[in-house]
PDB file of N, CA and C in Angstrom:
ATOM      1  N   MET A   1     -10.680-147.806 -14.667  1.00  0.00           N
ATOM      2  CA  MET A   1      -9.387-147.548 -15.277  1.00  0.00           C
ATOM      3  C   MET A   1      -8.861-148.863 -15.843  1.00  0.00           C
ATOM      4  N   THR A   2      -8.419-148.861 -17.096  1.00  0.00           N
ATOM      5  CA  THR A   2      -7.894-150.073 -17.708  1.00  0.00           C
ATOM      6  C   THR A   2      -6.458-150.298 -17.295  1.00  0.00           C
ATOM      7  N   ASP A   3      -5.963-151.495 -17.601  1.00  0.00           N
ATOM      8  CA  ASP A   3      -4.578-151.818 -17.258  1.00  0.00           C
ATOM      9  C   ASP A   3      -3.580-150.941 -17.998  1.00  0.00           C
ATOM     10  N   THR A   4      -3.883-150.584 -19.252  1.00  0.00           N
ATOM     11  CA  THR A   4      -2.942-149.756 -20.009  1.00  0.00           C
ATOM     12  C   THR A   4      -2.803-148.373 -19.385  1.00  0.00           C
ATOM     13  N   ASN A   5      -3.913-147.784 -18.928  1.00  0.00           N
ATOM     14  CA  ASN A   5      -3.820-146.478 -18.272  1.00  0.00           C
ATOM     15  C   ASN A   5      -3.008-146.568 -16.990  1.00  0.00           C
ATOM     16  N   PHE A   6      -3.222-147.639 -16.223  1.00  0.00           N
ATOM     17  CA  PHE A   6      -2.491-147.823 -14.979  1.00  0.00           C
ATOM     18  C   PHE A   6      -1.001-147.993 -15.262  1.00  0.00           C
ATOM     19  N   THR A   7      -0.656-148.754 -16.295  1.00  0.00           N
ATOM     20  CA  THR A   7       0.743-148.957 -16.653  1.00  0.00           C
ATOM     21  C   THR A   7       1.379-147.648 -17.105  1.00  0.00           C
ATOM     22  N   GLU A   8       0.644-146.861 -17.901  1.00  0.00           N
ATOM     23  CA  GLU A   8       1.181-145.586 -18.357  1.00  0.00           C
ATOM     24  C   GLU A   8       1.424-144.642 -17.192  1.00  0.00           C
ATOM     25  N   LEU A   9       0.525-144.635 -16.220  1.00  0.00           N
ATOM     26  CA  LEU A   9       0.717-143.782 -15.051  1.00  0.00           C
ATOM     27  C   LEU A   9       1.943-144.210 -14.268  1.00  0.00           C
ATOM     28  N   ASN A  10       2.132-145.518 -14.105  1.00  0.00           N
ATOM     29  CA  ASN A  10       3.325-146.000 -13.409  1.00  0.00           C
ATOM     30  C   ASN A  10       4.589-145.624 -14.161  1.00  0.00           C
ATOM     31  N   ARG A  11       4.552-145.718 -15.463  1.00  0.00           N
ATOM     32  CA  ARG A  11       5.727-145.375 -16.251  1.00  0.00           C
ATOM     33  C   ARG A  11       6.074-143.899 -16.070  1.00  0.00           C
ATOM     34  N   LEU A  12       5.058-143.036 -16.091  1.00  0.00           N
ATOM     35  CA  LEU A  12       5.312-141.617 -15.913  1.00  0.00           C
ATOM     36  C   LEU A  12       5.813-141.317 -14.495  1.00  0.00           C
ATOM     37  N   ASP A  13       5.257-141.992 -13.511  1.00  0.00           N
ATOM     38  CA  ASP A  13       5.751-141.813 -12.148  1.00  0.00           C
ATOM     39  C   ASP A  13       7.213-142.239 -12.052  1.00  0.00           C
ATOM     40  N   TRP A  14       7.541-143.331 -12.708  1.00  0.00           N
ATOM     41  CA  TRP A  14       8.903-143.833 -12.705  1.00  0.00           C
ATOM     42  C   TRP A  14       9.846-142.823 -13.365  1.00  0.00           C
ATOM     43  N   LEU A  15       9.403-142.228 -14.487  1.00  0.00           N
ATOM     44  CA  LEU A  15      10.229-141.220 -15.153  1.00  0.00           C
ATOM     45  C   LEU A  15      10.375-139.971 -14.297  1.00  0.00           C
ATOM     46  N   ASP A  16       9.302-139.581 -13.621  1.00  0.00           N
ATOM     47  CA  ASP A  16       9.383-138.430 -12.725  1.00  0.00           C
ATOM     48  C   ASP A  16      10.354-138.694 -11.583  1.00  0.00           C
ATOM     49  N   ALA A  17      10.368-139.916 -11.074  1.00  0.00           N
ATOM     50  CA  ALA A  17      11.316-140.263 -10.014  1.00  0.00           C
ATOM     51  C   ALA A  17      12.753-140.179 -10.532  1.00  0.00           C
ATOM     52  N   LEU A  18      12.991-140.642 -11.756  1.00  0.00           N
ATOM     53  CA  LEU A  18      14.335-140.530 -12.341  1.00  0.00           C
ATOM     54  C   LEU A  18      14.731-139.068 -12.536  1.00  0.00           C
ATOM     55  N   ARG A  19      13.780-138.257 -12.960  1.00  0.00           N
ATOM     56  CA  ARG A  19      14.067-136.829 -13.100  1.00  0.00           C
ATOM     57  C   ARG A  19      14.444-136.216 -11.757  1.00  0.00           C
ATOM     58  N   GLY A  20      13.762-136.635 -10.711  1.00  0.00           N
ATOM     59  CA  GLY A  20      14.083-136.155  -9.367  1.00  0.00           C
ATOM     60  C   GLY A  20      15.494-136.526  -8.957  1.00  0.00           C
ATOM     61  N   TRP A  21      15.901-137.772  -9.246  1.00  0.00           N
ATOM     62  CA  TRP A  21      17.272-138.196  -8.930  1.00  0.00           C
ATOM     63  C   TRP A  21      18.287-137.385  -9.733  1.00  0.00           C
ATOM     64  N   ALA A  22      17.968-137.106 -10.994  1.00  0.00           N
ATOM     65  CA  ALA A  22      18.874-136.318 -11.824  1.00  0.00           C
ATOM     66  C   ALA A  22      19.016-134.896 -11.275  1.00  0.00           C
ATOM     67  N   VAL A  23      17.912-134.296 -10.883  1.00  0.00           N
ATOM     68  CA  VAL A  23      17.952-132.942 -10.300  1.00  0.00           C
ATOM     69  C   VAL A  23      18.765-132.961  -9.021  1.00  0.00           C
ATOM     70  N   LEU A  24      18.544-133.956  -8.188  1.00  0.00           N
ATOM     71  CA  LEU A  24      19.291-134.072  -6.936  1.00  0.00           C
ATOM     72  C   LEU A  24      20.784-134.171  -7.203  1.00  0.00           C
ATOM     73  N   GLY A  25      21.159-134.943  -8.216  1.00  0.00           N
ATOM     74  CA  GLY A  25      22.573-135.066  -8.559  1.00  0.00           C
ATOM     75  C   GLY A  25      23.182-133.745  -8.991  1.00  0.00           C
ATOM     76  N   VAL A  26      22.493-133.007  -9.833  1.00  0.00           N
ATOM     77  CA  VAL A  26      23.011-131.724 -10.306  1.00  0.00           C
ATOM     78  C   VAL A  26      23.116-130.732  -9.145  1.00  0.00           C
ATOM     79  N   VAL A  27      22.115-130.710  -8.282  1.00  0.00           N
ATOM     80  CA  VAL A  27      22.146-129.809  -7.119  1.00  0.00           C
ATOM     81  C   VAL A  27      23.298-130.189  -6.193  1.00  0.00           C
ATOM     82  N   MET A  28      23.533-131.487  -6.010  1.00  0.00           N
ATOM     83  CA  MET A  28      24.642-131.937  -5.157  1.00  0.00           C
ATOM     84  C   MET A  28      25.985-131.444  -5.680  1.00  0.00           C
ATOM     85  N   VAL A  29      26.197-131.555  -6.975  1.00  0.00           N
ATOM     86  CA  VAL A  29      27.469-131.113  -7.563  1.00  0.00           C
ATOM     87  C   VAL A  29      27.667-129.624  -7.346  1.00  0.00           C
ATOM     88  N   HIS A  30      26.645-128.835  -7.660  1.00  0.00           N
ATOM     89  CA  HIS A  30      26.787-127.392  -7.524  1.00  0.00           C
ATOM     90  C   HIS A  30      26.903-126.965  -6.064  1.00  0.00           C
ATOM     91  N   SER A  31      26.211-127.643  -5.177  1.00  0.00           N
ATOM     92  CA  SER A  31      26.329-127.325  -3.754  1.00  0.00           C
ATOM     93  C   SER A  31      27.716-127.661  -3.242  1.00  0.00           C
ATOM     94  N   GLY A  32      28.240-128.800  -3.667  1.00  0.00           N
ATOM     95  CA  GLY A  32      29.586-129.193  -3.256  1.00  0.00           C
ATOM     96  C   GLY A  32      30.648-128.236  -3.764  1.00  0.00           C
ATOM     97  N   GLN A  33      30.449-127.725  -4.985  1.00  0.00           N
ATOM     98  CA  GLN A  33      31.401-126.754  -5.528  1.00  0.00           C
ATOM     99  C   GLN A  33      31.315-125.430  -4.787  1.00  0.00           C
ATOM    100  N   ALA A  34      30.123-125.005  -4.468  1.00  0.00           N
ATOM    101  CA  ALA A  34      29.938-123.724  -3.774  1.00  0.00           C
ATOM    102  C   ALA A  34      30.475-123.794  -2.357  1.00  0.00           C
ATOM    103  N   ALA A  35      30.297-124.948  -1.707  1.00  0.00           N
ATOM    104  CA  ALA A  35      30.744-125.089  -0.318  1.00  0.00           C
ATOM    105  C   ALA A  35      32.212-125.480  -0.227  1.00  0.00           C
ATOM    106  N   ARG A  36      32.801-125.822  -1.365  1.00  0.00           N
ATOM    107  CA  ARG A  36      34.196-126.298  -1.406  1.00  0.00           C
ATOM    108  C   ARG A  36      34.406-127.417  -0.394  1.00  0.00           C
ATOM    109  N   SER A  37      33.530-128.393  -0.485  1.00  0.00           N
ATOM    110  CA  SER A  37      33.587-129.513   0.446  1.00  0.00           C
ATOM    111  C   SER A  37      34.832-130.354   0.199  1.00  0.00           C
ATOM    112  N   ALA A  38      35.219-131.120   1.212  1.00  0.00           N
ATOM    113  CA  ALA A  38      36.408-131.968   1.127  1.00  0.00           C
ATOM    114  C   ALA A  38      36.076-133.328   1.729  1.00  0.00           C
ATOM    115  N   GLY A  39      36.923-134.289   1.462  1.00  0.00           N
ATOM    116  CA  GLY A  39      36.759-135.612   2.040  1.00  0.00           C
ATOM    117  C   GLY A  39      35.582-136.347   1.460  1.00  0.00           C
ATOM    118  N   ILE A  40      34.860-137.028   2.341  1.00  0.00           N
ATOM    119  CA  ILE A  40      33.724-137.844   1.912  1.00  0.00           C
ATOM    120  C   ILE A  40      32.602-136.980   1.345  1.00  0.00           C
ATOM    121  N   ALA A  41      32.413-135.780   1.889  1.00  0.00           N
ATOM    122  CA  ALA A  41      31.375-134.879   1.374  1.00  0.00           C
ATOM    123  C   ALA A  41      31.687-134.491  -0.064  1.00  0.00           C
ATOM    124  N   GLN A  42      32.950-134.298  -0.376  1.00  0.00           N
ATOM    125  CA  GLN A  42      33.346-133.951  -1.739  1.00  0.00           C
ATOM    126  C   GLN A  42      33.108-135.132  -2.671  1.00  0.00           C
ATOM    127  N   GLN A  43      33.403-136.339  -2.215  1.00  0.00           N
ATOM    128  CA  GLN A  43      33.182-137.519  -3.052  1.00  0.00           C
ATOM    129  C   GLN A  43      31.700-137.751  -3.325  1.00  0.00           C
ATOM    130  N   ILE A  44      30.875-137.532  -2.298  1.00  0.00           N
ATOM    131  CA  ILE A  44      29.431-137.704  -2.473  1.00  0.00           C
ATOM    132  C   ILE A  44      28.878-136.651  -3.423  1.00  0.00           C
ATOM    133  N   SER A  45      29.299-135.406  -3.245  1.00  0.00           N
ATOM    134  CA  SER A  45      28.787-134.354  -4.135  1.00  0.00           C
ATOM    135  C   SER A  45      29.307-134.529  -5.553  1.00  0.00           C
ATOM    136  N   ALA A  46      30.527-135.039  -5.709  1.00  0.00           N
ATOM    137  CA  ALA A  46      31.072-135.270  -7.053  1.00  0.00           C
ATOM    138  C   ALA A  46      30.316-136.375  -7.776  1.00  0.00           C
ATOM    139  N   ALA A  47      29.760-137.321  -7.036  1.00  0.00           N
ATOM    140  CA  ALA A  47      28.995-138.404  -7.660  1.00  0.00           C
ATOM    141  C   ALA A  47      27.733-137.869  -8.328  1.00  0.00           C
ATOM    142  N   GLY A  48      27.299-136.697  -7.944  1.00  0.00           N
ATOM    143  CA  GLY A  48      26.122-136.100  -8.553  1.00  0.00           C
ATOM    144  C   GLY A  48      26.325-135.686  -9.992  1.00  0.00           C
ATOM    145  N   GLN A  49      27.560-135.723 -10.480  1.00  0.00           N
ATOM    146  CA  GLN A  49      27.841-135.347 -11.865  1.00  0.00           C
ATOM    147  C   GLN A  49      27.090-136.236 -12.860  1.00  0.00           C
ATOM    148  N   TYR A  50      26.683-137.393 -12.421  1.00  0.00           N
ATOM    149  CA  TYR A  50      25.963-138.293 -13.315  1.00  0.00           C
ATOM    150  C   TYR A  50      24.510-137.873 -13.509  1.00  0.00           C
ATOM    151  N   GLY A  51      24.078-136.825 -12.828  1.00  0.00           N
ATOM    152  CA  GLY A  51      22.729-136.317 -13.008  1.00  0.00           C
ATOM    153  C   GLY A  51      22.483-135.819 -14.420  1.00  0.00           C
ATOM    154  N   VAL A  52      23.485-135.192 -15.031  1.00  0.00           N
ATOM    155  CA  VAL A  52      23.330-134.692 -16.407  1.00  0.00           C
ATOM    156  C   VAL A  52      23.186-135.859 -17.377  1.00  0.00           C
ATOM    157  N   GLN A  53      24.016-136.897 -17.193  1.00  0.00           N
ATOM    158  CA  GLN A  53      23.897-138.072 -18.052  1.00  0.00           C
ATOM    159  C   GLN A  53      22.540-138.736 -17.869  1.00  0.00           C
ATOM    160  N   LEU A  54      22.039-138.728 -16.634  1.00  0.00           N
ATOM    161  CA  LEU A  54      20.717-139.301 -16.379  1.00  0.00           C
ATOM    162  C   LEU A  54      19.638-138.489 -17.094  1.00  0.00           C
ATOM    163  N   PHE A  55      19.782-137.169 -17.152  1.00  0.00           N
ATOM    164  CA  PHE A  55      18.836-136.344 -17.914  1.00  0.00           C
ATOM    165  C   PHE A  55      18.840-136.736 -19.397  1.00  0.00           C
ATOM    166  N   PHE A  56      20.022-136.961 -19.970  1.00  0.00           N
ATOM    167  CA  PHE A  56      20.097-137.373 -21.376  1.00  0.00           C
ATOM    168  C   PHE A  56      19.424-138.723 -21.585  1.00  0.00           C
ATOM    169  N   PHE A  57      19.650-139.644 -20.673  1.00  0.00           N
ATOM    170  CA  PHE A  57      19.018-140.963 -20.763  1.00  0.00           C
ATOM    171  C   PHE A  57      17.497-140.832 -20.687  1.00  0.00           C
ATOM    172  N   ILE A  58      17.013-140.039 -19.731  1.00  0.00           N
ATOM    173  CA  ILE A  58      15.569-139.840 -19.572  1.00  0.00           C
ATOM    174  C   ILE A  58      14.982-139.190 -20.816  1.00  0.00           C
ATOM    175  N   SER A  59      15.703-138.246 -21.399  1.00  0.00           N
ATOM    176  CA  SER A  59      15.231-137.584 -22.613  1.00  0.00           C
ATOM    177  C   SER A  59      15.084-138.588 -23.753  1.00  0.00           C
ATOM    178  N   ALA A  60      16.081-139.432 -23.935  1.00  0.00           N
ATOM    179  CA  ALA A  60      16.005-140.446 -24.991  1.00  0.00           C
ATOM    180  C   ALA A  60      14.859-141.414 -24.739  1.00  0.00           C
ATOM    181  N   LEU A  61      14.686-141.808 -23.496  1.00  0.00           N
ATOM    182  CA  LEU A  61      13.607-142.716 -23.151  1.00  0.00           C
ATOM    183  C   LEU A  61      12.245-142.072 -23.393  1.00  0.00           C
ATOM    184  N   THR A  62      12.097-140.825 -23.008  1.00  0.00           N
ATOM    185  CA  THR A  62      10.840-140.108 -23.204  1.00  0.00           C
ATOM    186  C   THR A  62      10.524-139.931 -24.684  1.00  0.00           C
ATOM    187  N   ILE A  63      11.541-139.624 -25.474  1.00  0.00           N
ATOM    188  CA  ILE A  63      11.328-139.464 -26.919  1.00  0.00           C
ATOM    189  C   ILE A  63      10.870-140.783 -27.536  1.00  0.00           C
ATOM    190  N   SER A  64      11.480-141.886 -27.122  1.00  0.00           N
ATOM    191  CA  SER A  64      11.062-143.170 -27.687  1.00  0.00           C
ATOM    192  C   SER A  64       9.649-143.533 -27.249  1.00  0.00           C
ATOM    193  N   ILE A  65       9.285-143.208 -26.016  1.00  0.00           N
ATOM    194  CA  ILE A  65       7.930-143.494 -25.535  1.00  0.00           C
ATOM    195  C   ILE A  65       6.906-142.663 -26.305  1.00  0.00           C
ATOM    196  N   THR A  66       7.202-141.370 -26.525  1.00  0.00           N
ATOM    197  CA  THR A  66       6.246-140.532 -27.256  1.00  0.00           C
ATOM    198  C   THR A  66       6.144-140.972 -28.712  1.00  0.00           C
ATOM    199  N   TYR A  67       7.260-141.427 -29.280  1.00  0.00           N
ATOM    200  CA  TYR A  67       7.223-141.910 -30.662  1.00  0.00           C
ATOM    201  C   TYR A  67       6.343-143.155 -30.761  1.00  0.00           C
ATOM    202  N   GLU A  68       6.546-144.083 -29.852  1.00  0.00           N
ATOM    203  CA  GLU A  68       5.741-145.312 -29.875  1.00  0.00           C
ATOM    204  C   GLU A  68       4.258-145.004 -29.677  1.00  0.00           C
ATOM    205  N   ALA A  69       3.944-144.082 -28.772  1.00  0.00           N
ATOM    206  CA  ALA A  69       2.547-143.715 -28.539  1.00  0.00           C
ATOM    207  C   ALA A  69       1.956-143.044 -29.783  1.00  0.00           C
ATOM    208  N   HIS A  70       2.725-142.208 -30.438  1.00  0.00           N
ATOM    209  CA  HIS A  70       2.255-141.528 -31.652  1.00  0.00           C
ATOM    210  C   HIS A  70       1.998-142.540 -32.766  1.00  0.00           C
ATOM    211  N   ILE A  71       2.919-143.480 -32.932  1.00  0.00           N
ATOM    212  CA  ILE A  71       2.756-144.504 -33.977  1.00  0.00           C
ATOM    213  C   ILE A  71       1.557-145.397 -33.669  1.00  0.00           C
ATOM    214  N   ALA A  72       1.370-145.729 -32.392  1.00  0.00           N
ATOM    215  CA  ALA A  72       0.215-146.563 -32.027  1.00  0.00           C
ATOM    216  C   ALA A  72      -1.096-145.835 -32.309  1.00  0.00           C
ATOM    217  N   LYS A  73      -1.096-144.529 -32.163  1.00  0.00           N
ATOM    218  CA  LYS A  73      -2.327-143.752 -32.365  1.00  0.00           C
ATOM    219  C   LYS A  73      -2.582-143.437 -33.838  1.00  0.00           C
ATOM    220  N   PHE A  74      -1.528-143.095 -34.585  1.00  0.00           N
ATOM    221  CA  PHE A  74      -1.707-142.625 -35.963  1.00  0.00           C
ATOM    222  C   PHE A  74      -1.185-143.574 -37.036  1.00  0.00           C
ATOM    223  N   GLY A  75      -0.569-144.673 -36.661  1.00  0.00           N
ATOM    224  CA  GLY A  75      -0.041-145.617 -37.636  1.00  0.00           C
ATOM    225  C   GLY A  75       1.404-145.301 -37.994  1.00  0.00           C
ATOM    226  N   LYS A  76       1.997-146.190 -38.791  1.00  0.00           N
ATOM    227  CA  LYS A  76       3.416-146.063 -39.105  1.00  0.00           C
ATOM    228  C   LYS A  76       3.648-145.537 -40.524  1.00  0.00           C
ATOM    229  N   SER A  77       2.736-144.755 -41.022  1.00  0.00           N
ATOM    230  CA  SER A  77       2.904-144.188 -42.360  1.00  0.00           C
ATOM    231  C   SER A  77       3.977-143.095 -42.330  1.00  0.00           C
ATOM    232  N   PHE A  78       4.456-142.767 -43.509  1.00  0.00           N
ATOM    233  CA  PHE A  78       5.466-141.709 -43.610  1.00  0.00           C
ATOM    234  C   PHE A  78       4.926-140.396 -43.069  1.00  0.00           C
ATOM    235  N   ARG A  79       3.665-140.116 -43.376  1.00  0.00           N
ATOM    236  CA  ARG A  79       3.049-138.868 -42.922  1.00  0.00           C
ATOM    237  C   ARG A  79       2.974-138.800 -41.397  1.00  0.00           C
ATOM    238  N   ALA A  80       2.622-139.900 -40.747  1.00  0.00           N
ATOM    239  CA  ALA A  80       2.546-139.930 -39.278  1.00  0.00           C
ATOM    240  C   ALA A  80       3.927-139.740 -38.661  1.00  0.00           C
ATOM    241  N   GLN A  81       4.926-140.407 -39.227  1.00  0.00           N
ATOM    242  CA  GLN A  81       6.284-140.268 -38.714  1.00  0.00           C
ATOM    243  C   GLN A  81       6.808-138.851 -38.910  1.00  0.00           C
ATOM    244  N   PHE A  82       6.525-138.290 -40.080  1.00  0.00           N
ATOM    245  CA  PHE A  82       6.977-136.930 -40.370  1.00  0.00           C
ATOM    246  C   PHE A  82       6.295-135.915 -39.460  1.00  0.00           C
ATOM    247  N   SER A  83       5.000-136.125 -39.169  1.00  0.00           N
ATOM    248  CA  SER A  83       4.306-135.194 -38.283  1.00  0.00           C
ATOM    249  C   SER A  83       4.881-135.265 -36.866  1.00  0.00           C
ATOM    250  N   TRP A  84       5.250-136.458 -36.407  1.00  0.00           N
ATOM    251  CA  TRP A  84       5.883-136.589 -35.085  1.00  0.00           C
ATOM    252  C   TRP A  84       7.224-135.849 -35.070  1.00  0.00           C
ATOM    253  N   PHE A  85       7.998-136.021 -36.139  1.00  0.00           N
ATOM    254  CA  PHE A  85       9.300-135.361 -36.245  1.00  0.00           C
ATOM    255  C   PHE A  85       9.145-133.839 -36.256  1.00  0.00           C
ATOM    256  N   LEU A  86       8.193-133.328 -37.017  1.00  0.00           N
ATOM    257  CA  LEU A  86       7.961-131.882 -37.051  1.00  0.00           C
ATOM    258  C   LEU A  86       7.549-131.350 -35.687  1.00  0.00           C
ATOM    259  N   LYS A  87       6.731-132.109 -34.989  1.00  0.00           N
ATOM    260  CA  LYS A  87       6.309-131.685 -33.660  1.00  0.00           C
ATOM    261  C   LYS A  87       7.520-131.596 -32.721  1.00  0.00           C
ATOM    262  N   ARG A  88       8.426-132.545 -32.804  1.00  0.00           N
ATOM    263  CA  ARG A  88       9.651-132.514 -31.983  1.00  0.00           C
ATOM    264  C   ARG A  88      10.514-131.310 -32.355  1.00  0.00           C
ATOM    265  N   ILE A  89      10.673-131.054 -33.650  1.00  0.00           N
ATOM    266  CA  ILE A  89      11.513-129.939 -34.109  1.00  0.00           C
ATOM    267  C   ILE A  89      10.945-128.617 -33.621  1.00  0.00           C
ATOM    268  N   PHE A  90       9.643-128.403 -33.809  1.00  0.00           N
ATOM    269  CA  PHE A  90       9.049-127.123 -33.438  1.00  0.00           C
ATOM    270  C   PHE A  90       8.874-126.965 -31.936  1.00  0.00           C
ATOM    271  N   ARG A  91       9.104-128.021 -31.196  1.00  0.00           N
ATOM    272  CA  ARG A  91       9.098-127.895 -29.738  1.00  0.00           C
ATOM    273  C   ARG A  91      10.444-127.380 -29.245  1.00  0.00           C
ATOM    274  N   ILE A  92      11.520-127.703 -29.949  1.00  0.00           N
ATOM    275  CA  ILE A  92      12.874-127.352 -29.519  1.00  0.00           C
ATOM    276  C   ILE A  92      13.432-126.157 -30.290  1.00  0.00           C
ATOM    277  N   ALA A  93      13.288-126.148 -31.597  1.00  0.00           N
ATOM    278  CA  ALA A  93      13.948-125.174 -32.456  1.00  0.00           C
ATOM    279  C   ALA A  93      13.612-123.712 -32.154  1.00  0.00           C
ATOM    280  N   PRO A  94      12.362-123.333 -31.926  1.00  0.00           N
ATOM    281  CA  PRO A  94      12.095-121.909 -31.698  1.00  0.00           C
ATOM    282  C   PRO A  94      12.859-121.342 -30.505  1.00  0.00           C
ATOM    283  N   LEU A  95      12.899-122.058 -29.408  1.00  0.00           N
ATOM    284  CA  LEU A  95      13.635-121.578 -28.243  1.00  0.00           C
ATOM    285  C   LEU A  95      15.136-121.517 -28.529  1.00  0.00           C
ATOM    286  N   TYR A  96      15.631-122.481 -29.293  1.00  0.00           N
ATOM    287  CA  TYR A  96      17.045-122.476 -29.668  1.00  0.00           C
ATOM    288  C   TYR A  96      17.387-121.227 -30.475  1.00  0.00           C
ATOM    289  N   TYR A  97      16.576-120.898 -31.463  1.00  0.00           N
ATOM    290  CA  TYR A  97      16.868-119.731 -32.291  1.00  0.00           C
ATOM    291  C   TYR A  97      16.683-118.428 -31.523  1.00  0.00           C
ATOM    292  N   ILE A  98      15.747-118.386 -30.602  1.00  0.00           N
ATOM    293  CA  ILE A  98      15.620-117.211 -29.742  1.00  0.00           C
ATOM    294  C   ILE A  98      16.879-117.045 -28.901  1.00  0.00           C
ATOM    295  N   ALA A  99      17.410-118.151 -28.375  1.00  0.00           N
ATOM    296  CA  ALA A  99      18.640-118.093 -27.583  1.00  0.00           C
ATOM    297  C   ALA A  99      19.823-117.640 -28.433  1.00  0.00           C
ATOM    298  N   VAL A 100      19.917-118.111 -29.670  1.00  0.00           N
ATOM    299  CA  VAL A 100      21.002-117.685 -30.566  1.00  0.00           C
ATOM    300  C   VAL A 100      20.945-116.175 -30.785  1.00  0.00           C
ATOM    301  N   ILE A 101      19.766-115.658 -31.060  1.00  0.00           N
ATOM    302  CA  ILE A 101      19.613-114.211 -31.271  1.00  0.00           C
ATOM    303  C   ILE A 101      19.944-113.448 -29.994  1.00  0.00           C
ATOM    304  N   PHE A 102      19.414-113.911 -28.853  1.00  0.00           N
ATOM    305  CA  PHE A 102      19.658-113.233 -27.579  1.00  0.00           C
ATOM    306  C   PHE A 102      21.145-113.171 -27.248  1.00  0.00           C
ATOM    307  N   TYR A 103      21.834-114.296 -27.329  1.00  0.00           N
ATOM    308  CA  TYR A 103      23.249-114.312 -26.955  1.00  0.00           C
ATOM    309  C   TYR A 103      24.122-113.566 -27.957  1.00  0.00           C
ATOM    310  N   THR A 104      23.725-113.547 -29.218  1.00  0.00           N
ATOM    311  CA  THR A 104      24.455-112.747 -30.200  1.00  0.00           C
ATOM    312  C   THR A 104      24.323-111.268 -29.873  1.00  0.00           C
ATOM    313  N   LEU A 105      23.101-110.817 -29.583  1.00  0.00           N
ATOM    314  CA  LEU A 105      22.892-109.412 -29.219  1.00  0.00           C
ATOM    315  C   LEU A 105      23.571-109.074 -27.898  1.00  0.00           C
ATOM    316  N   GLU A 106      23.541-109.993 -26.954  1.00  0.00           N
ATOM    317  CA  GLU A 106      24.187-109.756 -25.665  1.00  0.00           C
ATOM    318  C   GLU A 106      25.695-109.565 -25.845  1.00  0.00           C
ATOM    319  N   ARG A 107      26.318-110.433 -26.620  1.00  0.00           N
ATOM    320  CA  ARG A 107      27.772-110.313 -26.847  1.00  0.00           C
ATOM    321  C   ARG A 107      28.107-109.029 -27.602  1.00  0.00           C
ATOM    322  N   TYR A 108      27.273-108.652 -28.533  1.00  0.00           N
ATOM    323  CA  TYR A 108      27.509-107.416 -29.272  1.00  0.00           C
ATOM    324  C   TYR A 108      27.390-106.213 -28.344  1.00  0.00           C
ATOM    325  N   GLU A 109      26.402-106.239 -27.457  1.00  0.00           N
ATOM    326  CA  GLU A 109      26.239-105.153 -26.486  1.00  0.00           C
ATOM    327  C   GLU A 109      27.435-105.072 -25.544  1.00  0.00           C
ATOM    328  N   ILE A 110      27.928-106.206 -25.092  1.00  0.00           N
ATOM    329  CA  ILE A 110      29.122-106.212 -24.237  1.00  0.00           C
ATOM    330  C   ILE A 110      30.315-105.652 -24.995  1.00  0.00           C
ATOM    331  N   TYR A 111      30.429-106.016 -26.257  1.00  0.00           N
ATOM    332  CA  TYR A 111      31.510-105.508 -27.097  1.00  0.00           C
ATOM    333  C   TYR A 111      31.425-103.982 -27.213  1.00  0.00           C
ATOM    334  N   LEU A 112      30.230-103.457 -27.455  1.00  0.00           N
ATOM    335  CA  LEU A 112      30.070-102.004 -27.591  1.00  0.00           C
ATOM    336  C   LEU A 112      30.337-101.288 -26.270  1.00  0.00           C
ATOM    337  N   LEU A 113      29.846-101.850 -25.165  1.00  0.00           N
ATOM    338  CA  LEU A 113      30.037-101.212 -23.865  1.00  0.00           C
ATOM    339  C   LEU A 113      31.487-101.264 -23.389  1.00  0.00           C
ATOM    340  N   SER A 114      32.263-102.202 -23.926  1.00  0.00           N
ATOM    341  CA  SER A 114      33.673-102.265 -23.556  1.00  0.00           C
ATOM    342  C   SER A 114      34.528-101.403 -24.488  1.00  0.00           C
ATOM    343  N   HIS A 115      33.891-100.528 -25.249  1.00  0.00           N
ATOM    344  CA  HIS A 115      34.551 -99.621 -26.199  1.00  0.00           C
ATOM    345  C   HIS A 115      35.366-100.401 -27.225  1.00  0.00           C
ATOM    346  N   ASN A 116      34.737-101.417 -27.762  1.00  0.00           N
ATOM    347  CA  ASN A 116      35.288-102.238 -28.854  1.00  0.00           C
ATOM    348  C   ASN A 116      36.577-102.972 -28.465  1.00  0.00           C
ATOM    349  N   LYS A 117      36.782-103.235 -27.180  1.00  0.00           N
ATOM    350  CA  LYS A 117      37.979-103.945 -26.736  1.00  0.00           C
ATOM    351  C   LYS A 117      37.699-105.392 -26.386  1.00  0.00           C
ATOM    352  N   TYR A 118      36.446-105.720 -26.174  1.00  0.00           N
ATOM    353  CA  TYR A 118      36.092-107.064 -25.757  1.00  0.00           C
ATOM    354  C   TYR A 118      36.337-108.057 -26.898  1.00  0.00           C
ATOM    355  N   GLY A 119      37.096-109.078 -26.616  1.00  0.00           N
ATOM    356  CA  GLY A 119      37.314-110.118 -27.598  1.00  0.00           C
ATOM    357  C   GLY A 119      38.467-109.904 -28.535  1.00  0.00           C
ATOM    358  N   LYS A 120      39.218-108.815 -28.380  1.00  0.00           N
ATOM    359  CA  LYS A 120      40.374-108.603 -29.237  1.00  0.00           C
ATOM    360  C   LYS A 120      41.571-109.367 -28.698  1.00  0.00           C
ATOM    361  N   ALA A 121      42.411-109.830 -29.597  1.00  0.00           N
ATOM    362  CA  ALA A 121      43.627-110.537 -29.183  1.00  0.00           C
ATOM    363  C   ALA A 121      44.625-109.521 -28.610  1.00  0.00           C
ATOM    364  N   PRO A 122      45.314-109.904 -27.542  1.00  0.00           N
ATOM    365  CA  PRO A 122      46.288-108.966 -26.958  1.00  0.00           C
ATOM    366  C   PRO A 122      47.501-108.781 -27.868  1.00  0.00           C
ATOM    367  N   ASN A 123      48.071-107.583 -27.826  1.00  0.00           N
ATOM    368  CA  ASN A 123      49.289-107.316 -28.592  1.00  0.00           C
ATOM    369  C   ASN A 123      50.484-107.855 -27.828  1.00  0.00           C
ATOM    370  N   ILE A 124      51.322-108.579 -28.518  1.00  0.00           N
ATOM    371  CA  ILE A 124      52.507-109.149 -27.862  1.00  0.00           C
ATOM    372  C   ILE A 124      53.744-108.349 -28.223  1.00  0.00           C
TER     373      ILE A 124
END
């Protein structure tokens, strides 16, 4: 095993550890809310709110690492950069559009089942 492979494995382990801390933080917040904890337990569980921010940080770090690896493998031409960008878009966009369609249909179904009353402004 070369040094670069060993370094890459350590980097991924490090990112996995950060992901674990982020998950722990999110679970702490939701557990604290469900248990309606107070005092020091509430303060500790509230500190878990930074788990979401840690996920965003990890995402940005992972994107930059994959970009650098892609450029190192395929070069820094416009075509290589564009192919990396397309790969990122098609990894996220299809699920996003499926969710948009699903939630639109779900809200419409709720509207129909509520006999067209859901979402109307109240009469004053």
